[in-house]
C-alpha atoms as a PDB file:
ATOM      1  CA  MET A   1     200.095 112.151 144.272  1.00  0.00           C
ATOM      2  CA  LYS A   2     196.360 111.742 144.665  1.00  0.00           C
ATOM      3  CA  ASP A   3     194.009 108.817 144.504  1.00  0.00           C
ATOM      4  CA  GLN A   4     190.487 108.686 143.201  1.00  0.00           C
ATOM      5  CA  ILE A   5     189.731 105.068 143.816  1.00  0.00           C
ATOM      6  CA  GLY A   6     187.604 102.943 141.489  1.00  0.00           C
ATOM      7  CA  SER A   7     189.018  99.572 140.457  1.00  0.00           C
ATOM      8  CA  HIS A   8     187.550  96.084 140.721  1.00  0.00           C
ATOM      9  CA  PRO A   9     187.796  92.491 139.617  1.00  0.00           C
ATOM     10  CA  ALA A  10     185.332  91.398 136.963  1.00  0.00           C
ATOM     11  CA  GLY A  11     183.755  88.176 135.926  1.00  0.00           C
ATOM     12  CA  ASP A  12     180.416  86.403 135.703  1.00  0.00           C
ATOM     13  CA  VAL A  13     180.966  83.659 138.254  1.00  0.00           C
ATOM     14  CA  ARG A  14     177.327  82.705 138.751  1.00  0.00           C
ATOM     15  CA  GLY A  15     174.409  82.683 136.336  1.00  0.00           C
ATOM     16  CA  ARG A  16     172.001  85.630 136.221  1.00  0.00           C
ATOM     17  CA  SER A  17     168.924  83.564 137.032  1.00  0.00           C
ATOM     18  CA  ALA A  18     170.610  81.965 140.053  1.00  0.00           C
ATOM     19  CA  ILE A  19     171.680  85.363 141.380  1.00  0.00           C
ATOM     20  CA  ALA A  20     168.189  86.763 140.833  1.00  0.00           C
ATOM     21  CA  THR A  21     166.753  83.882 142.848  1.00  0.00           C
ATOM     22  CA  ILE A  22     169.263  84.411 145.662  1.00  0.00           C
ATOM     23  CA  LEU A  23     168.450  88.115 145.913  1.00  0.00           C
ATOM     24  CA  ARG A  24     164.686  87.540 145.758  1.00  0.00           C
ATOM     25  CA  GLU A  25     164.953  85.174 148.722  1.00  0.00           C
ATOM     26  CA  LYS A  26     167.230  87.535 150.657  1.00  0.00           C
ATOM     27  CA  VAL A  27     164.882  90.487 150.166  1.00  0.00           C
ATOM     28  CA  ARG A  28     161.883  88.423 151.324  1.00  0.00           C
ATOM     29  CA  ALA A  29     163.811  87.283 154.409  1.00  0.00           C
ATOM     30  CA  LEU A  30     164.346  90.827 155.658  1.00  0.00           C
ATOM     31  CA  SER A  31     161.927  91.821 158.396  1.00  0.00           C
ATOM     32  CA  THR A  32     163.460  95.125 159.528  1.00  0.00           C
ATOM     33  CA  PRO A  33     161.457  98.022 158.072  1.00  0.00           C
ATOM     34  CA  ARG A  34     163.671  99.958 155.675  1.00  0.00           C
ATOM     35  CA  LYS A  35     163.295 101.838 152.452  1.00  0.00           C
ATOM     36  CA  LYS A  36     163.170  99.529 149.450  1.00  0.00           C
ATOM     37  CA  HIS A  37     166.540 100.551 148.031  1.00  0.00           C
ATOM     38  CA  ALA A  38     168.130  99.921 151.464  1.00  0.00           C
ATOM     39  CA  ARG A  39     166.437  96.507 151.678  1.00  0.00           C
ATOM     40  CA  LEU A  40     167.931  95.511 148.345  1.00  0.00           C
ATOM     41  CA  GLN A  41     171.390  96.720 149.356  1.00  0.00           C
ATOM     42  CA  THR A  42     171.174  94.773 152.607  1.00  0.00           C
ATOM     43  CA  ALA A  43     170.069  91.686 150.693  1.00  0.00           C
ATOM     44  CA  ILE A  44     173.066  91.959 148.359  1.00  0.00           C
ATOM     45  CA  LEU A  45     175.507  92.455 151.245  1.00  0.00           C
ATOM     46  CA  ASN A  46     173.960  89.552 153.170  1.00  0.00           C
ATOM     47  CA  ALA A  47     174.378  87.315 150.143  1.00  0.00           C
ATOM     48  CA  VAL A  48     178.039  88.317 149.928  1.00  0.00           C
ATOM     49  CA  ALA A  49     178.572  87.743 153.662  1.00  0.00           C
ATOM     50  CA  GLU A  50     177.124  84.223 153.323  1.00  0.00           C
ATOM     51  CA  ASP A  51     179.337  83.468 150.287  1.00  0.00           C
ATOM     52  CA  LEU A  52     176.282  83.178 148.050  1.00  0.00           C
ATOM     53  CA  LEU A  53     177.770  86.004 145.978  1.00  0.00           C
ATOM     54  CA  ALA A  54     181.454  86.740 145.479  1.00  0.00           C
ATOM     55  CA  PRO A  55     183.593  89.613 144.172  1.00  0.00           C
ATOM     56  CA  GLY A  56     183.385  89.559 140.391  1.00  0.00           C
ATOM     57  CA  ASP A  57     179.854  88.161 140.224  1.00  0.00           C
ATOM     58  CA  GLN A  58     177.694  90.052 137.755  1.00  0.00           C
ATOM     59  CA  LEU A  59     174.243  91.148 138.862  1.00  0.00           C
ATOM     60  CA  PRO A  60     171.298  90.630 136.516  1.00  0.00           C
ATOM     61  CA  PRO A  61     170.371  93.558 134.243  1.00  0.00           C
ATOM     62  CA  GLU A  62     168.301  96.165 136.053  1.00  0.00           C
ATOM     63  CA  PRO A  63     164.925  95.180 134.469  1.00  0.00           C
ATOM     64  CA  GLU A  64     165.481  91.517 135.373  1.00  0.00           C
ATOM     65  CA  LEU A  65     166.530  92.407 138.904  1.00  0.00           C
ATOM     66  CA  ALA A  66     163.492  94.675 139.346  1.00  0.00           C
ATOM     67  CA  LEU A  67     161.177  91.852 138.289  1.00  0.00           C
ATOM     68  CA  ALA A  68     162.916  89.308 140.536  1.00  0.00           C
ATOM     69  CA  VAL A  69     162.736  91.384 143.728  1.00  0.00           C
ATOM     70  CA  ASP A  70     159.419  93.102 142.926  1.00  0.00           C
ATOM     71  CA  MET A  71     160.773  96.643 142.985  1.00  0.00           C
ATOM     72  CA  SER A  72     160.557  99.500 140.518  1.00  0.00           C
ATOM     73  CA  LEU A  73     163.336 100.149 138.044  1.00  0.00           C
ATOM     74  CA  GLY A  74     163.919 103.507 139.729  1.00  0.00           C
ATOM     75  CA  THR A  75     164.484 101.783 143.090  1.00  0.00           C
ATOM     76  CA  ILE A  76     166.962  99.365 141.512  1.00  0.00           C
ATOM     77  CA  ARG A  77     168.904 102.203 139.917  1.00  0.00           C
ATOM     78  CA  ARG A  78     168.963 104.232 143.126  1.00  0.00           C
ATOM     79  CA  CYS A  79     170.277 101.257 145.075  1.00  0.00           C
ATOM     80  CA  LEU A  80     173.004 100.350 142.579  1.00  0.00           C
ATOM     81  CA  THR A  81     174.059 103.980 142.134  1.00  0.00           C
ATOM     82  CA  ARG A  82     174.542 104.383 145.876  1.00  0.00           C
ATOM     83  CA  MET A  83     176.363 101.069 146.124  1.00  0.00           C
ATOM     84  CA  ALA A  84     178.683 102.177 143.322  1.00  0.00           C
ATOM     85  CA  VAL A  85     179.445 105.398 145.208  1.00  0.00           C
ATOM     86  CA  GLU A  86     180.331 103.294 148.261  1.00  0.00           C
ATOM     87  CA  GLY A  87     182.516 100.973 146.203  1.00  0.00           C
ATOM     88  CA  LEU A  88     180.367  97.922 146.933  1.00  0.00           C
ATOM     89  CA  VAL A  89     179.620  97.367 143.252  1.00  0.00           C
ATOM     90  CA  THR A  90     181.157  98.638 140.051  1.00  0.00           C
ATOM     91  CA  ARG A  91     179.206  99.603 136.952  1.00  0.00           C
ATOM     92  CA  GLU A  92     180.712  99.315 133.501  1.00  0.00           C
ATOM     93  CA  HIS A  93     179.026 100.837 130.486  1.00  0.00           C
ATOM     94  CA  GLY A  94     178.040  98.107 128.070  1.00  0.00           C
ATOM     95  CA  ARG A  95     178.948  95.306 130.475  1.00  0.00           C
ATOM     96  CA  GLY A  96     176.833  95.595 133.613  1.00  0.00           C
ATOM     97  CA  THR A  97     177.117  95.770 137.375  1.00  0.00           C
ATOM     98  CA  PHE A  98     179.591  93.643 139.327  1.00  0.00           C
ATOM     99  CA  ILE A  99     180.144  92.814 142.982  1.00  0.00           C
ATOM    100  CA  ALA A 100     183.326  94.640 144.024  1.00  0.00           C
ATOM    101  CA  GLU A 101     185.923  93.666 146.578  1.00  0.00           C
ATOM    102  CA  GLN A 102     184.435  94.200 150.014  1.00  0.00           C
ATOM    103  CA  VAL A 103     186.130  96.211 152.747  1.00  0.00           C
ATOM    104  CA  PRO A 104     185.716  94.765 156.258  1.00  0.00           C
ATOM    105  CA  ALA A 105     183.853  96.728 158.875  1.00  0.00           C
ATOM    106  CA  VAL A 106     185.922  99.205 160.862  1.00  0.00           C
ATOM    107  CA  HIS A 107     185.937  98.652 164.628  1.00  0.00           C
ATOM    108  CA  ASP A 108     186.996 100.819 167.592  1.00  0.00           C
ATOM    109  CA  ILE A 109     185.258 103.834 166.080  1.00  0.00           C
ATOM    110  CA  TRP A 110     185.559 107.114 167.955  1.00  0.00           C
ATOM    111  CA  HIS A 111     183.758 109.498 165.621  1.00  0.00           C
ATOM    112  CA  VAL A 112     180.614 108.245 163.902  1.00  0.00           C
ATOM    113  CA  ARG A 113     179.123 105.692 166.238  1.00  0.00           C
ATOM    114  CA  PHE A 114     175.511 104.862 165.472  1.00  0.00           C
ATOM    115  CA  PHE A 115     173.368 102.424 167.430  1.00  0.00           C
ATOM    116  CA  ALA A 116     170.694  99.914 166.497  1.00  0.00           C
ATOM    117  CA  GLU A 117     167.122 100.018 167.741  1.00  0.00           C
ATOM    118  CA  ASP A 118     168.105  98.439 171.076  1.00  0.00           C
ATOM    119  CA  GLY A 119     170.211 101.527 171.863  1.00  0.00           C
ATOM    120  CA  THR A 120     173.342  99.512 172.724  1.00  0.00           C
ATOM    121  CA  THR A 121     174.423  97.550 169.644  1.00  0.00           C
ATOM    122  CA  GLN A 122     176.911  99.575 167.619  1.00  0.00           C
ATOM    123  CA  LEU A 123     176.172  99.475 163.906  1.00  0.00           C
ATOM    124  CA  PRO A 124     178.983  98.321 161.595  1.00  0.00           C
ATOM    125  CA  VAL A 125     180.669 100.949 159.422  1.00  0.00           C
ATOM    126  CA  TYR A 126     182.220 100.169 156.035  1.00  0.00           C
ATOM    127  CA  HIS A 127     184.622 102.731 154.624  1.00  0.00           C
ATOM    128  CA  ARG A 128     185.340 103.505 150.981  1.00  0.00           C
ATOM    129  CA  LEU A 129     188.271 105.736 150.053  1.00  0.00           C
ATOM    130  CA  LEU A 130     187.168 108.430 147.600  1.00  0.00           C
ATOM    131  CA  TYR A 131     190.136 110.805 147.452  1.00  0.00           C
ATOM    132  CA  ARG A 132     193.647 111.158 148.826  1.00  0.00           C
ATOM    133  CA  GLY A 133     195.901 114.117 148.077  1.00  0.00           C
ATOM    134  CA  ILE A 134     197.505 117.368 149.227  1.00  0.00           C
ATOM    135  CA  VAL A 135     195.406 120.518 149.578  1.00  0.00           C
ATOM    136  CA  ASP A 136     196.406 124.043 150.519  1.00  0.00           C
ATOM    137  CA  GLY A 137     193.845 124.367 153.273  1.00  0.00           C
ATOM    138  CA  SER A 138     192.444 127.539 154.723  1.00  0.00           C
ATOM    139  CA  GLY A 139     189.875 128.787 157.182  1.00  0.00           C
ATOM    140  CA  GLU A 140     188.875 126.219 159.788  1.00  0.00           C
ATOM    141  CA  ILE A 141     191.584 123.693 158.779  1.00  0.00           C
ATOM    142  CA  ALA A 142     194.446 126.150 159.158  1.00  0.00           C
ATOM    143  CA  ARG A 143     192.941 127.590 162.326  1.00  0.00           C
ATOM    144  CA  VAL A 144     192.745 124.180 163.986  1.00  0.00           C
ATOM    145  CA  LEU A 145     195.945 122.547 162.727  1.00  0.00           C
ATOM    146  CA  GLY A 146     197.985 125.719 162.363  1.00  0.00           C
ATOM    147  CA  PRO A 147     199.582 127.202 159.211  1.00  0.00           C
ATOM    148  CA  ASN A 148     201.497 124.630 157.168  1.00  0.00           C
ATOM    149  CA  GLU A 149     203.624 125.577 154.175  1.00  0.00           C
ATOM    150  CA  ALA A 150     203.570 121.957 152.967  1.00  0.00           C
ATOM    151  CA  GLY A 151     199.770 121.963 152.929  1.00  0.00           C
ATOM    152  CA  TYR A 152     197.491 119.311 154.365  1.00  0.00           C
ATOM    153  CA  VAL A 153     196.887 115.657 153.572  1.00  0.00           C
ATOM    154  CA  LYS A 154     193.199 115.238 152.762  1.00  0.00           C
ATOM    155  CA  ILE A 155     191.536 111.833 152.899  1.00  0.00           C
ATOM    156  CA  SER A 156     187.894 111.649 151.822  1.00  0.00           C
ATOM    157  CA  ARG A 157     185.794 108.582 152.547  1.00  0.00           C
ATOM    158  CA  ALA A 158     182.239 107.403 152.055  1.00  0.00           C
ATOM    159  CA  CYS A 159     181.053 105.537 155.148  1.00  0.00           C
ATOM    160  CA  ASN A 160     178.286 102.956 154.827  1.00  0.00           C
ATOM    161  CA  ILE A 161     176.410 102.754 158.141  1.00  0.00           C
ATOM    162  CA  ASP A 162     174.993  99.213 158.215  1.00  0.00           C
ATOM    163  CA  SER A 163     173.571  99.698 154.705  1.00  0.00           C
ATOM    164  CA  ARG A 164     171.073 102.197 156.165  1.00  0.00           C
ATOM    165  CA  PHE A 165     172.624 105.424 154.926  1.00  0.00           C
ATOM    166  CA  ILE A 166     175.963 106.936 153.902  1.00  0.00           C
ATOM    167  CA  THR A 167     178.038 109.628 155.539  1.00  0.00           C
ATOM    168  CA  CYS A 168     180.948 111.455 153.934  1.00  0.00           C
ATOM    169  CA  SER A 169     184.140 112.337 155.781  1.00  0.00           C
ATOM    170  CA  ASP A 170     187.026 114.692 154.961  1.00  0.00           C
ATOM    171  CA  PHE A 171     190.038 114.003 157.213  1.00  0.00           C
ATOM    172  CA  TYR A 172     193.001 116.427 157.348  1.00  0.00           C
ATOM    173  CA  LEU A 173     196.572 116.091 158.653  1.00  0.00           C
ATOM    174  CA  GLY A 174     199.618 118.331 158.326  1.00  0.00           C
ATOM    175  CA  ALA A 175     201.513 117.370 155.160  1.00  0.00           C
ATOM    176  CA  ASP A 176     204.902 118.230 156.659  1.00  0.00           C
ATOM    177  CA  ARG A 177     204.580 115.285 159.047  1.00  0.00           C
ATOM    178  CA  PHE A 178     202.132 112.965 157.296  1.00  0.00           C
ATOM    179  CA  GLY A 179     202.842 113.507 153.594  1.00  0.00           C
ATOM    180  CA  ALA A 180     204.136 109.927 153.294  1.00  0.00           C
ATOM    181  CA  MET A 181     200.550 108.716 153.683  1.00  0.00           C
ATOM    182  CA  LEU A 182     200.177 109.388 149.977  1.00  0.00           C
ATOM    183  CA  ASP A 183     202.642 106.584 149.261  1.00  0.00           C
ATOM    184  CA  ALA A 184     200.962 104.007 151.508  1.00  0.00           C
ATOM    185  CA  PRO A 185     198.636 101.371 149.971  1.00  0.00           C
ATOM    186  CA  ALA A 186     195.109 102.733 149.988  1.00  0.00           C
ATOM    187  CA  ASP A 187     193.591  99.432 151.114  1.00  0.00           C
ATOM    188  CA  GLU A 188     195.782  99.406 154.224  1.00  0.00           C
ATOM    189  CA  ILE A 189     194.598 102.871 155.251  1.00  0.00           C
ATOM    190  CA  VAL A 190     190.966 101.873 154.813  1.00  0.00           C
ATOM    191  CA  ALA A 191     191.354  98.506 156.560  1.00  0.00           C
ATOM    192  CA  GLU A 192     193.200  99.917 159.588  1.00  0.00           C
ATOM    193  CA  GLY A 193     191.326 103.180 159.876  1.00  0.00           C
ATOM    194  CA  THR A 194     193.139 106.507 159.693  1.00  0.00           C
ATOM    195  CA  LYS A 195     193.484 106.884 163.463  1.00  0.00           C
ATOM    196  CA  HIS A 196     195.199 103.508 163.860  1.00  0.00           C
ATOM    197  CA  PHE A 197     197.230 103.923 160.688  1.00  0.00           C
ATOM    198  CA  ILE A 198     198.941 107.124 161.814  1.00  0.00           C
ATOM    199  CA  ALA A 199     199.529 105.609 165.259  1.00  0.00           C
ATOM    200  CA  HIS A 200     201.282 102.563 163.810  1.00  0.00           C
ATOM    201  CA  ARG A 201     203.145 104.173 160.936  1.00  0.00           C
ATOM    202  CA  PHE A 202     203.968 107.618 162.330  1.00  0.00           C
ATOM    203  CA  ASP A 203     203.883 107.029 166.084  1.00  0.00           C
ATOM    204  CA  ALA A 204     201.233 109.749 166.237  1.00  0.00           C
ATOM    205  CA  ARG A 205     198.512 108.709 168.636  1.00  0.00           C
ATOM    206  CA  ILE A 206     195.255 110.564 168.961  1.00  0.00           C
ATOM    207  CA  LEU A 207     194.709 110.589 172.712  1.00  0.00           C
ATOM    208  CA  ARG A 208     191.450 112.512 172.856  1.00  0.00           C
ATOM    209  CA  ILE A 209     188.961 114.155 170.548  1.00  0.00           C
ATOM    210  CA  ASP A 210     186.568 117.073 170.680  1.00  0.00           C
ATOM    211  CA  LYS A 211     183.292 116.975 168.756  1.00  0.00           C
ATOM    212  CA  THR A 212     180.988 119.770 167.701  1.00  0.00           C
ATOM    213  CA  VAL A 213     177.746 119.412 165.767  1.00  0.00           C
ATOM    214  CA  CYS A 214     175.906 121.950 163.646  1.00  0.00           C
ATOM    215  CA  MET A 215     173.455 122.053 160.751  1.00  0.00           C
ATOM    216  CA  GLY A 216     174.568 123.388 157.410  1.00  0.00           C
ATOM    217  CA  THR A 217     174.008 123.297 153.663  1.00  0.00           C
ATOM    218  CA  VAL A 218     175.600 120.175 152.223  1.00  0.00           C
ATOM    219  CA  PRO A 219     178.514 121.008 149.849  1.00  0.00           C
ATOM    220  CA  ASP A 220     177.846 120.273 146.196  1.00  0.00           C
ATOM    221  CA  ASP A 221     180.434 117.489 146.062  1.00  0.00           C
ATOM    222  CA  LYS A 222     178.741 115.644 148.952  1.00  0.00           C
ATOM    223  CA  ASN A 223     175.078 115.668 147.821  1.00  0.00           C
ATOM    224  CA  GLU A 224     175.118 112.535 145.723  1.00  0.00           C
ATOM    225  CA  ILE A 225     177.332 110.653 148.160  1.00  0.00           C
ATOM    226  CA  ILE A 226     175.045 111.040 151.180  1.00  0.00           C
ATOM    227  CA  GLY A 227     171.849 111.044 149.137  1.00  0.00           C
ATOM    228  CA  VAL A 228     170.411 114.516 149.637  1.00  0.00           C
ATOM    229  CA  ASP A 229     169.153 117.097 147.160  1.00  0.00           C
ATOM    230  CA  PRO A 230     171.255 120.150 146.191  1.00  0.00           C
ATOM    231  CA  GLY A 231     170.869 122.929 148.742  1.00  0.00           C
ATOM    232  CA  GLU A 232     169.497 120.607 151.427  1.00  0.00           C
ATOM    233  CA  THR A 233     170.717 120.944 154.992  1.00  0.00           C
ATOM    234  CA  ALA A 234     172.230 118.109 157.014  1.00  0.00           C
ATOM    235  CA  MET A 235     174.207 117.476 160.171  1.00  0.00           C
ATOM    236  CA  ASN A 236     177.897 118.397 160.076  1.00  0.00           C
ATOM    237  CA  LEU A 237     180.011 116.691 162.740  1.00  0.00           C
ATOM    238  CA  ARG A 238     183.426 118.304 163.231  1.00  0.00           C
ATOM    239  CA  VAL A 239     186.102 116.378 165.091  1.00  0.00           C
ATOM    240  CA  ILE A 240     189.506 117.583 166.326  1.00  0.00           C
ATOM    241  CA  GLY A 241     192.017 114.926 167.351  1.00  0.00           C
ATOM    242  CA  TYR A 242     194.722 115.796 169.908  1.00  0.00           C
ATOM    243  CA  GLY A 243     198.058 114.091 170.534  1.00  0.00           C
ATOM    244  CA  VAL A 244     200.680 114.531 173.252  1.00  0.00           C
ATOM    245  CA  ASN A 245     200.736 117.854 175.089  1.00  0.00           C
ATOM    246  CA  SER A 246     197.192 118.432 173.800  1.00  0.00           C
ATOM    247  CA  LEU A 247     198.517 119.477 170.387  1.00  0.00           C
ATOM    248  CA  PRO A 248     195.999 119.130 167.526  1.00  0.00           C
ATOM    249  CA  LEU A 249     196.885 116.329 165.093  1.00  0.00           C
ATOM    250  CA  SER A 250     193.817 116.003 162.897  1.00  0.00           C
ATOM    251  CA  TYR A 251     190.685 117.773 161.770  1.00  0.00           C
ATOM    252  CA  GLN A 252     187.680 115.958 160.363  1.00  0.00           C
ATOM    253  CA  SER A 253     184.417 117.146 158.833  1.00  0.00           C
ATOM    254  CA  ILE A 254     181.641 114.555 158.515  1.00  0.00           C
ATOM    255  CA  TRP A 255     178.337 115.120 156.707  1.00  0.00           C
ATOM    256  CA  ILE A 256     175.422 112.999 157.913  1.00  0.00           C
ATOM    257  CA  PRO A 257     172.080 112.822 156.064  1.00  0.00           C
ATOM    258  CA  PRO A 258     168.767 113.144 157.943  1.00  0.00           C
ATOM    259  CA  THR A 259     168.217 109.929 159.914  1.00  0.00           C
ATOM    260  CA  ASP A 260     166.438 108.695 163.023  1.00  0.00           C
ATOM    261  CA  VAL A 261     169.327 106.356 163.876  1.00  0.00           C
ATOM    262  CA  PRO A 262     170.872 107.381 167.238  1.00  0.00           C
ATOM    263  CA  LEU A 263     174.345 108.965 167.059  1.00  0.00           C
ATOM    264  CA  ASP A 264     176.719 108.733 170.027  1.00  0.00           C
ATOM    265  CA  VAL A 265     178.178 112.198 170.582  1.00  0.00           C
ATOM    266  CA  THR A 266     180.549 111.260 173.398  1.00  0.00           C
ATOM    267  CA  ALA A 267     184.254 111.599 172.612  1.00  0.00           C
ATOM    268  CA  GLY A 268     186.870 108.869 172.610  1.00  0.00           C
ATOM    269  CA  PRO A 269     186.666 105.066 172.947  1.00  0.00           C
ATOM    270  CA  LEU A 270     183.275 103.520 173.663  1.00  0.00           C
ATOM    271  CA  SER A 271     183.088 102.575 177.330  1.00  0.00           C
ATOM    272  CA  ARG A 272     182.002  99.035 178.090  1.00  0.00           C
ATOM    273  CA  LYS A 273     180.121  98.208 181.269  1.00  0.00           C
END
């Protein structure tokens, strides 16, 4: 079994002109300097958070939206394309763009913790499941987790970091022990977070993690997701999760686009003073 997720509710709950007005006001209200496409995405998410927009609402056509928020058509398309990749909107040929079901922010993050300008506020992370299936695995995966005749469960996610940028994560587990994850509801895995899900469902607790960071050429299947050009280099964060007796349970590879947002590279739960 494998999942490539992409479903949504549909419906035009509010009128196009009313939605255009809402988004124009939300864009104007933003004071934090960001790229235009990020400002529009934040405005849309803020409108959803305040119940001014709801899942199923249809956004105005791109030319109308561009005129309403005073942005170029190219900026509108870039924003909506990235939001579609994240699962925040869905785009249907011949119908339009719709607000999708929203996934709540994931808390108690151990791996990709980014901080706001004050250096202490942890930015919210919204996960979108892209792929779930069994892979053979080789190289680094087999070296870390050990040979596995059953293969490895692979879970790929796009991670929206406070609507500022997107990272892409590939998470691996031994299929002999965790193969039943393929039968679990995808929304439960995303809502709980993989670490908590395997702890609750498989009694497999990740007790500590090791992180390493390097620069590398972004794989072809990650370029569009994290918003970089083909052949461009980016940060690759590799995370090994260990269970009891310091045995490796999980391996994760996370691609992070160029950003000036601070990344916490300490391992494990965030200490609170």
